[in-house]
Amino acid sequence: GLVVDGNIRDVAGVRRVGDGATSFPVYSRGVNPTAGTGDQPGQIQVPITMGDEKITINNGDVILGDDDGIVVVNLVQRTECLREYEQISLLSSLLDEAKRIENRDDAILEQISKGKALLDC
């Protein structure tokens, strides 16, 4: 996708970019039918600041967007989020295993309550 801190033009053409099943996502401040001048050279791999909140976006940051807007997750936040996700994933696996053991134990107790010997369970 593309994030523009300004206006875009040729919206219908932009929507046709891509695989045909989904449109190319573009987030901008608005639409203007006049073309930009292109008189300022661009740069890549440099921090940029955009928006009313003057958000700085650095190389490696993740930008997520939907119909309601965009959010920037910086590299430090992304690393922390991944670490927390891994911890949550591990905890979830442990809880799943504990539930499996609890279900097994419940089944054994049920069999014992019906008169079956523990060694036969």
Foldseek 3Di string as FASTA:
>chain_A
DEEEQAAAEPVVVQQCPDDNPGGDDYHYPYYDHDDDDCPDDDDPQQWDFHDPVRDIDGPPWDWDDDPVGIDIQHPVNVVVVVVVVVVVVVVVVVVVVVVVVVVVVVVLVVVVVVPDDSVVD
